[in-house]
Amino acid sequence: MRRRTSHIVLAAGGTGGHMFPAAVLCAELVRRGHRVSLITDGRGMRYQSQFKNCKTYVVDSATFAAGGVFGKIRAGFKVISGIWAARRLLKQLQPGAVIGFGGYPSLPSLWAAVQLGIPAALHEQNAVLGRVNRFLAPRVNAVALTFDRTEKINPARYEYMCVTGTPVRPEIAEMGERFFPPLGEDRLLRLLVIGGSQGASIFSEVVPAALSTLPRALQRRLQVTQQCRAEDIESVRESYARTNIAAELSTFIPNIPECLEWAHLVIGRAGASTVSEITAAGRPAILVPYPHATDQHQKANARDLEEVGGAWIFDNRDFTPGRLAKLLQKLSKNPRDIWFAAEQSRKEGKPYATKDLADLIERLALACGAQDRITVHDHVMGQSRKKEDEASVDTRSPPSLNEKYDEKKDAV
């Protein structure tokens, strides 16, 4: 197979919500033969093991959201320093394209790419365009969104915009095509309780308390896998032990795809990665949006899923043991409600998000990138073609990015 390839730089950092989608895209780009580098910050280095066959560079950045006047001044100097460091690094790497995944760690690299004329794109995971992405969107070549309804966007100011969804692991993306686990009034009811990359204490407090009030016959049917904060895990374990509910607890769940596959119902926050994974897998959910999320983006993330009947949403203050227990008891008696929600969740999913986003970045690099940043990998049945065959490679300039993506112009 003959493919023109490029060097792609990913800019992401901070939290798992930014880093995990970047890692999935990295794997897809590497699979396609591209060379991939990651520019991140100190916090992003915690996720370095997720990026295989990818060289990692650290460029400092900072948030302006806290620290008072002097803190904002310090952050400003740190960001400016980061931009200069990113400029030097990008001049050295000479990438065909740079894609940022939002958050302040991506700001220096994206801004440096814009200044240097390197094709640049950004990806927004949430249903509200983040502050950094709001600043960068009018300046980059392409904006990729996760949700069809995204707030705080201004399409008239963007060069190109489309909806791709958020990349999820292949094992999860393929799950929506398989059967939902068997469920009935006399069968097991499996709950997966997750709280984002750091866990959430509210689930450690509310879920065990709610399950302890359920009828004993229902408690015997339950199987719970729950993520807990380290400081909460022993008290949660004691609570389940008192009720003899089968529960597996951990501070980090490494086998999320396996857990999702057998789960009948997910309980968690409404981060973009969580919503993208449960909809790709076709799993119904009870979601409690984090109340202090910037611009209430978690509530916006859950909005469409609730409207189509794929999830039940609680405000943080309304998520009490009594209300959760009442809902779980109702659902256990009406398994068809769970099946219906699962199907609606699956319809909201975007299992091809990784492919669509990789296509966008690949075509951006090949349509707009300098030819000296692009190489030709020429293979037939795994064997390298002879050099003289390279003369037959089509070296004409590819169509413009917008021509390549005419079919998606009306997606938003």
Protein backbone atom coordinates (compact mmCIF):
# COMPACT_ATOMS: atom_id res chain seq x y z
CA MET A 1 0.00 0.00 0.00
CA ARG A 2 1.35 3.43 -0.92
CA ARG A 3 0.75 6.25 1.53
CA ARG A 4 2.16 9.72 1.89
CA THR A 5 3.02 10.21 5.54
CA SER A 6 3.97 13.13 7.71
CA HIS A 7 5.24 14.07 11.15
CA ILE A 8 2.24 14.94 13.36
CA VAL A 9 2.61 16.75 16.69
CA LEU A 10 -0.04 16.32 19.40
CA ALA A 11 -0.35 19.04 22.05
CA ALA A 12 -2.14 17.90 25.20
CA GLY A 13 -1.66 17.94 28.92
CA GLY A 14 -3.18 18.28 32.34
CA THR A 15 -5.94 15.74 32.83
CA GLY A 16 -6.90 12.35 31.45
CA GLY A 17 -9.81 14.00 29.66
CA HIS A 18 -7.29 15.65 27.32
CA MET A 19 -4.62 12.97 27.32
CA PHE A 20 -6.60 9.77 26.68
CA PRO A 21 -8.21 10.95 23.41
CA ALA A 22 -4.79 12.18 22.28
CA ALA A 23 -3.28 8.75 23.07
CA VAL A 24 -5.97 6.97 21.03
CA LEU A 25 -5.37 9.31 18.07
CA CYS A 26 -1.61 8.78 18.44
CA ALA A 27 -2.02 5.01 18.10
CA GLU A 28 -4.14 5.42 14.95
CA LEU A 29 -1.69 7.83 13.32
CA VAL A 30 1.24 5.55 14.11
CA ARG A 31 -0.71 2.61 12.66
CA ARG A 32 -1.10 4.63 9.44
CA GLY A 33 2.65 5.11 9.23
CA HIS A 34 2.95 8.69 10.48
CA ARG A 35 5.65 9.81 12.86
CA VAL A 36 4.04 11.24 15.98
CA SER A 37 5.41 13.43 18.77
CA LEU A 38 3.69 14.65 21.93
CA ILE A 39 4.18 18.06 23.53
CA THR A 40 2.80 18.12 27.05
CA ASP A 41 3.34 19.69 30.48
CA GLY A 42 4.53 18.23 33.75
CA ARG A 43 1.11 16.86 34.69
CA GLY A 44 0.72 15.25 31.27
CA MET A 45 3.88 13.22 31.86
CA ARG A 46 1.85 11.02 34.22
CA TYR A 47 0.14 9.59 31.12
CA GLN A 48 3.30 9.10 29.05
CA SER A 49 2.96 5.31 29.16
CA GLN A 50 -0.26 5.60 27.12
CA PHE A 51 1.66 6.96 24.12
CA LYS A 52 3.43 4.13 22.30
CA ASN A 53 6.02 4.80 19.56
CA CYS A 54 5.78 8.50 20.30
CA LYS A 55 8.54 10.84 21.44
CA THR A 56 7.50 13.17 24.27
CA TYR A 57 8.61 16.75 24.91
CA VAL A 58 7.75 18.94 27.88
CA VAL A 59 6.83 22.60 27.41
CA ASP A 60 5.65 24.55 30.46
CA SER A 61 2.35 26.37 30.52
CA ALA A 62 0.02 27.79 33.17
CA THR A 63 -3.60 28.67 33.80
CA PHE A 64 -4.86 32.20 34.34
CA ALA A 65 -7.87 30.94 36.29
CA ALA A 66 -6.42 31.28 39.79
CA GLY A 67 -3.76 32.98 41.87
CA GLY A 68 -4.92 36.60 41.92
CA VAL A 69 -3.28 39.43 40.00
CA PHE A 70 0.29 38.33 40.70
CA GLY A 71 -0.58 34.74 39.87
CA LYS A 72 -1.98 35.81 36.52
CA ILE A 73 1.16 37.83 35.80
CA ARG A 74 3.35 34.83 36.63
CA ALA A 75 1.15 32.63 34.45
CA GLY A 76 1.48 35.12 31.60
CA PHE A 77 5.27 35.02 31.74
CA LYS A 78 5.19 31.22 31.92
CA VAL A 79 2.94 30.97 28.85
CA ILE A 80 5.14 33.40 26.87
CA SER A 81 8.20 31.37 27.85
CA GLY A 82 6.37 28.23 26.78
CA ILE A 83 5.50 29.73 23.38
CA TRP A 84 9.15 30.54 22.69
CA ALA A 85 10.17 27.03 23.77
CA ALA A 86 7.48 25.55 21.53
CA ARG A 87 8.65 27.68 18.58
CA ARG A 88 12.19 26.39 18.95
CA LEU A 89 10.94 22.81 19.24
CA LEU A 90 8.60 23.01 16.23
CA LYS A 91 11.34 24.56 14.08
CA GLN A 92 13.46 21.55 14.98
CA LEU A 93 10.71 18.95 14.43
CA GLN A 94 9.28 20.48 11.22
CA PRO A 95 5.88 18.72 11.57
CA GLY A 96 3.31 18.51 8.81
CA ALA A 97 0.55 19.45 11.27
CA VAL A 98 -0.08 20.18 14.96
CA ILE A 99 -3.30 19.27 16.76
CA GLY A 100 -4.20 20.53 20.22
CA PHE A 101 -6.62 18.91 22.64
CA GLY A 102 -7.58 21.97 24.64
CA GLY A 103 -6.54 23.23 28.03
CA TYR A 104 -3.68 25.57 28.83
CA PRO A 105 -0.95 22.97 28.15
CA SER A 106 -1.89 23.02 24.45
CA LEU A 107 -1.76 26.84 24.16
CA PRO A 108 2.01 27.37 23.64
CA SER A 109 2.30 24.68 20.96
CA LEU A 110 -0.80 25.71 18.99
CA TRP A 111 0.08 29.41 19.14
CA ALA A 112 3.66 28.67 18.06
CA ALA A 113 2.36 26.57 15.16
CA VAL A 114 0.09 29.42 14.03
CA GLN A 115 2.99 31.88 14.19
CA LEU A 116 5.23 29.56 12.17
CA GLY A 117 2.60 28.84 9.53
CA ILE A 118 2.39 25.14 10.38
CA PRO A 119 -1.07 23.65 9.67
CA ALA A 120 -2.90 23.51 12.99
CA ALA A 121 -6.15 22.05 14.28
CA LEU A 122 -7.83 21.79 17.63
CA HIS A 123 -10.17 19.22 19.10
CA GLU A 124 -12.86 20.10 21.63
CA GLN A 125 -13.99 17.22 23.82
CA ASN A 126 -16.81 19.02 25.65
CA ALA A 127 -20.18 20.43 24.60
CA VAL A 128 -18.93 23.91 25.52
CA LEU A 129 -15.90 25.25 23.67
CA GLY A 130 -13.15 25.71 26.25
CA ARG A 131 -11.50 29.06 26.91
CA VAL A 132 -8.19 28.22 25.25
CA ASN A 133 -9.97 26.70 22.27
CA ARG A 134 -12.21 29.76 22.04
CA PHE A 135 -9.10 31.91 21.71
CA LEU A 136 -7.39 29.62 19.21
CA ALA A 137 -10.37 28.53 17.05
CA PRO A 138 -10.38 31.57 14.73
CA ARG A 139 -6.63 31.23 14.19
CA VAL A 140 -6.22 27.52 13.31
CA ASN A 141 -6.99 25.71 10.06
CA ALA A 142 -9.61 23.31 11.43
CA VAL A 143 -11.82 22.86 14.49
CA ALA A 144 -13.09 19.36 15.37
CA LEU A 145 -16.01 19.02 17.78
CA THR A 146 -17.39 16.11 19.80
CA PHE A 147 -21.03 17.15 20.09
CA ASP A 148 -23.42 18.28 17.36
CA ARG A 149 -24.67 20.96 19.74
CA THR A 150 -21.64 22.79 21.09
CA GLU A 151 -21.95 26.08 22.94
CA LYS A 152 -19.75 29.18 22.61
CA ILE A 153 -18.74 28.48 19.00
CA ASN A 154 -18.67 31.05 16.20
CA PRO A 155 -18.55 29.13 12.89
CA ALA A 156 -18.45 32.31 10.84
CA ARG A 157 -14.98 33.06 12.23
CA TYR A 158 -13.50 29.59 11.70
CA GLU A 159 -11.68 28.46 8.58
CA TYR A 160 -13.17 24.96 8.81
CA MET A 161 -15.27 23.10 11.38
CA CYS A 162 -16.69 19.58 11.61
CA VAL A 163 -18.06 17.08 14.14
CA THR A 164 -15.87 14.01 14.62
CA GLY A 165 -16.62 12.88 18.16
CA THR A 166 -13.96 12.08 20.75
CA PRO A 167 -11.58 9.16 20.09
CA VAL A 168 -12.15 6.13 22.32
CA ARG A 169 -10.21 2.90 22.55
CA PRO A 170 -10.92 0.41 19.73
CA GLU A 171 -12.21 -2.20 22.19
CA ILE A 172 -14.87 0.27 23.32
CA ALA A 173 -15.69 1.58 19.85
CA GLU A 174 -16.44 -1.97 18.68
CA MET A 175 -18.65 -2.77 21.67
CA GLY A 176 -21.73 -1.00 20.38
CA GLU A 177 -22.03 -3.58 17.58
CA ARG A 178 -22.33 -6.45 20.06
CA PHE A 179 -25.30 -7.67 22.08
CA PHE A 180 -26.27 -5.98 25.35
CA PRO A 181 -25.68 -8.30 28.34
CA PRO A 182 -28.78 -10.41 29.14
CA LEU A 183 -30.98 -8.79 31.77
CA GLY A 184 -34.21 -9.69 33.49
CA GLU A 185 -35.90 -9.54 36.88
CA ASP A 186 -34.28 -12.83 37.88
CA ARG A 187 -30.81 -12.09 36.46
CA LEU A 188 -27.73 -10.32 37.77
CA LEU A 189 -27.70 -6.52 37.60
CA ARG A 190 -24.14 -5.26 37.09
CA LEU A 191 -23.23 -1.69 38.03
CA LEU A 192 -20.04 0.11 37.02
CA VAL A 193 -19.34 3.17 39.18
CA ILE A 194 -16.64 5.53 37.90
CA GLY A 195 -15.68 9.00 38.98
CA GLY A 196 -13.30 10.34 36.35
CA SER A 197 -9.52 10.09 36.45
CA GLN A 198 -9.44 11.10 40.14
CA GLY A 199 -12.56 9.36 41.44
CA ALA A 200 -15.35 11.27 43.19
CA SER A 201 -16.22 11.11 46.88
CA ILE A 202 -19.92 11.66 46.27
CA PHE A 203 -20.21 8.18 44.72
CA SER A 204 -18.39 6.63 47.68
CA GLU A 205 -20.93 8.27 49.98
CA VAL A 206 -24.18 7.86 48.04
CA VAL A 207 -23.94 4.57 46.11
CA PRO A 208 -23.19 2.17 49.03
CA ALA A 209 -25.78 3.95 51.18
CA ALA A 210 -28.40 3.65 48.43
CA LEU A 211 -27.69 -0.03 47.79
CA SER A 212 -27.89 -0.81 51.52
CA THR A 213 -31.57 0.24 51.55
CA LEU A 214 -32.64 -1.97 48.62
CA PRO A 215 -34.68 -5.14 49.21
CA ARG A 216 -32.53 -8.11 50.05
CA ALA A 217 -33.66 -9.99 46.93
CA LEU A 218 -32.33 -7.15 44.75
CA GLN A 219 -29.10 -6.85 46.75
CA ARG A 220 -28.36 -10.51 45.99
CA ARG A 221 -28.66 -9.77 42.26
CA LEU A 222 -26.17 -6.90 42.32
CA GLN A 223 -22.54 -7.01 41.16
CA VAL A 224 -20.70 -3.71 41.64
CA THR A 225 -17.38 -2.55 40.27
CA GLN A 226 -16.53 0.83 41.76
CA GLN A 227 -13.69 3.33 41.53
CA CYS A 228 -12.97 5.09 44.82
CA ARG A 229 -10.57 7.65 46.12
CA ALA A 230 -7.80 6.12 48.21
CA GLU A 231 -9.11 7.83 51.34
CA ASP A 232 -12.63 6.42 50.78
CA ILE A 233 -11.99 2.85 49.72
CA GLU A 234 -11.90 1.18 53.16
CA SER A 235 -15.14 2.77 54.34
CA VAL A 236 -16.84 1.77 51.08
CA ARG A 237 -15.54 -1.79 51.44
CA GLU A 238 -16.93 -1.99 54.98
CA SER A 239 -20.31 -0.72 53.80
CA TYR A 240 -20.62 -3.40 51.12
CA ALA A 241 -19.38 -6.07 53.54
CA ARG A 242 -22.22 -5.22 55.96
CA THR A 243 -24.84 -5.83 53.25
CA ASN A 244 -23.03 -8.77 51.59
CA ILE A 245 -23.27 -7.07 48.20
CA ALA A 246 -20.73 -8.43 45.71
CA ALA A 247 -18.38 -5.52 45.05
CA GLU A 248 -14.95 -5.05 43.51
CA LEU A 249 -13.26 -1.79 44.51
CA SER A 250 -10.13 -0.05 43.29
CA THR A 251 -8.65 3.43 43.08
CA PHE A 252 -8.04 2.97 39.35
CA ILE A 253 -9.85 0.67 36.93
CA PRO A 254 -7.36 -0.43 34.27
CA ASN A 255 -9.75 -2.73 32.39
CA ILE A 256 -12.54 -0.25 31.62
CA PRO A 257 -13.38 -1.91 28.25
CA GLU A 258 -13.93 -5.27 29.95
CA CYS A 259 -15.99 -3.68 32.73
CA LEU A 260 -18.10 -1.72 30.26
CA GLU A 261 -18.78 -4.83 28.21
CA TRP A 262 -20.53 -6.66 31.04
CA ALA A 263 -22.07 -3.59 32.75
CA HIS A 264 -25.83 -3.06 32.52
CA LEU A 265 -25.68 0.42 33.99
CA VAL A 266 -22.91 3.00 34.51
CA ILE A 267 -22.93 5.56 37.33
CA GLY A 268 -20.51 8.45 37.03
CA ARG A 269 -19.72 12.06 36.23
CA ALA A 270 -20.39 13.50 32.77
CA GLY A 271 -16.88 14.21 31.52
CA ALA A 272 -16.46 14.16 27.75
CA SER A 273 -14.47 10.91 27.75
CA THR A 274 -17.03 9.19 29.98
CA VAL A 275 -19.96 10.23 27.78
CA SER A 276 -18.07 9.32 24.60
CA GLU A 277 -17.16 5.87 25.94
CA ILE A 278 -20.59 4.90 27.26
CA THR A 279 -22.33 6.04 24.06
CA ALA A 280 -19.83 4.27 21.80
CA ALA A 281 -20.34 1.12 23.90
CA GLY A 282 -24.12 1.58 23.99
CA ARG A 283 -24.44 1.57 27.76
CA PRO A 284 -27.12 3.45 29.73
CA ALA A 285 -25.97 5.66 32.57
CA ILE A 286 -26.89 7.57 35.69
CA LEU A 287 -24.83 10.74 35.40
CA VAL A 288 -24.07 13.38 38.01
CA PRO A 289 -22.35 16.33 36.26
CA TYR A 290 -19.54 17.89 38.27
CA PRO A 291 -21.11 21.13 39.58
CA HIS A 292 -17.91 23.20 39.46
CA ALA A 293 -16.92 22.36 35.87
CA THR A 294 -15.99 25.44 33.83
CA ASP A 295 -19.05 26.87 32.05
CA GLN A 296 -21.06 23.90 33.39
CA HIS A 297 -19.70 21.87 30.47
CA GLN A 298 -20.44 18.50 32.10
CA LYS A 299 -24.14 19.34 32.28
CA ALA A 300 -24.00 20.27 28.60
CA ASN A 301 -22.18 16.99 27.81
CA ALA A 302 -25.05 15.00 29.32
CA ARG A 303 -27.86 17.09 27.80
CA ASP A 304 -28.36 15.28 24.49
CA LEU A 305 -28.06 11.82 26.04
CA GLU A 306 -30.73 12.64 28.62
CA GLU A 307 -33.06 14.13 25.99
CA VAL A 308 -33.07 10.95 23.88
CA GLY A 309 -33.57 8.72 26.92
CA GLY A 310 -30.09 7.23 27.13
CA ALA A 311 -29.31 8.45 30.64
CA TRP A 312 -30.80 9.65 33.90
CA ILE A 313 -29.27 12.91 35.15
CA PHE A 314 -29.03 14.12 38.74
CA ASP A 315 -27.85 17.51 39.92
CA ASN A 316 -25.13 17.09 42.53
CA ARG A 317 -27.40 18.31 45.34
CA ASP A 318 -30.20 15.93 44.30
CA PHE A 319 -28.02 12.83 44.14
CA THR A 320 -29.06 11.28 47.45
CA PRO A 321 -29.21 7.65 48.63
CA GLY A 322 -33.01 7.76 48.72
CA ARG A 323 -33.43 9.04 45.15
CA LEU A 324 -30.80 6.71 43.72
CA ALA A 325 -32.32 3.70 45.50
CA LYS A 326 -35.78 4.57 44.19
CA LEU A 327 -34.52 4.77 40.60
CA LEU A 328 -32.53 1.53 40.84
CA GLN A 329 -35.51 -0.34 42.28
CA LYS A 330 -37.74 0.97 39.49
CA LEU A 331 -35.24 -0.04 36.80
CA SER A 332 -34.72 -3.50 38.30
CA LYS A 333 -38.46 -4.15 37.94
CA ASN A 334 -38.56 -2.76 34.39
CA PRO A 335 -35.49 -4.09 32.57
CA ARG A 336 -36.97 -2.93 29.26
CA ASP A 337 -36.28 0.65 30.39
CA ILE A 338 -32.60 -0.25 30.66
CA TRP A 339 -32.61 -1.93 27.25
CA PHE A 340 -34.28 1.10 25.69
CA ALA A 341 -31.76 3.47 27.29
CA ALA A 342 -28.91 1.27 26.05
CA GLU A 343 -30.18 1.48 22.48
CA GLN A 344 -30.63 5.25 22.70
CA SER A 345 -27.14 5.60 24.12
CA ARG A 346 -25.72 3.56 21.25
CA LYS A 347 -27.48 5.80 18.70
CA GLU A 348 -25.76 8.83 20.24
CA GLY A 349 -22.33 7.25 20.02
CA LYS A 350 -19.64 8.14 17.49
CA PRO A 351 -17.60 4.92 17.19
CA TYR A 352 -15.72 6.21 14.14
CA ALA A 353 -14.40 9.31 15.91
CA THR A 354 -10.78 8.13 15.86
CA LYS A 355 -10.85 7.43 12.13
CA ASP A 356 -12.62 10.70 11.32
CA LEU A 357 -10.24 12.80 13.40
CA ALA A 358 -7.18 11.01 11.98
CA ASP A 359 -8.53 11.59 8.45
CA LEU A 360 -8.93 15.29 9.21
CA ILE A 361 -5.39 15.68 10.54
CA GLU A 362 -3.88 13.53 7.80
CA ARG A 363 -5.57 15.55 5.06
CA LEU A 364 -4.73 18.81 6.79
CA ALA A 365 -1.05 17.88 6.74
CA LEU A 366 -1.13 16.72 3.14
CA ALA A 367 -3.33 19.58 1.86
CA CYS A 368 -1.59 22.42 3.68
CA GLY A 369 1.76 21.09 4.89
CA ALA A 370 5.04 21.89 3.17
CA GLN A 371 6.19 19.10 0.83
CA ASP A 372 9.51 18.81 2.62
CA ARG A 373 7.61 17.71 5.74
CA ILE A 374 5.95 14.82 3.90
CA THR A 375 7.49 11.51 2.91
CA VAL A 376 6.22 8.62 0.81
CA HIS A 377 6.03 5.16 2.36
CA ASP A 378 5.68 2.65 -0.49
CA HIS A 379 4.81 -0.95 0.39
CA VAL A 380 3.21 -3.78 -1.54
CA MET A 381 2.18 -6.89 0.45
CA GLY A 382 4.61 -5.87 3.15
CA GLN A 383 7.60 -5.56 0.79
CA SER A 384 9.29 -2.25 -0.11
CA ARG A 385 8.87 -1.27 -3.72
CA LYS A 386 11.94 -0.60 -5.85
CA LYS A 387 13.21 2.97 -5.97
CA GLU A 388 12.52 3.31 -9.66
CA ASP A 389 8.80 2.82 -8.97
CA GLU A 390 8.81 6.02 -6.90
CA ALA A 391 8.68 8.02 -10.10
CA SER A 392 5.09 6.87 -10.57
CA VAL A 393 3.92 8.42 -7.28
CA ASP A 394 1.34 11.17 -7.81
CA THR A 395 3.03 14.32 -6.47
CA ARG A 396 0.35 16.76 -7.52
CA SER A 397 -0.89 19.05 -4.77
CA PRO A 398 -3.95 17.49 -3.12
CA PRO A 399 -7.28 19.35 -3.15
CA SER A 400 -7.88 22.01 -0.54
CA LEU A 401 -8.98 20.86 2.91
CA ASN A 402 -12.49 22.21 2.41
CA GLU A 403 -12.83 20.37 -0.92
CA LYS A 404 -11.76 17.18 0.81
CA TYR A 405 -14.45 17.64 3.46
CA ASP A 406 -17.35 19.15 1.53
CA GLU A 407 -19.60 16.35 2.68
CA LYS A 408 -19.14 17.37 6.33
CA LYS A 409 -19.65 21.12 6.00
CA ASP A 410 -23.24 20.89 7.20
CA ALA A 411 -22.48 18.63 10.16
CA VAL A 412 -22.78 21.48 12.65
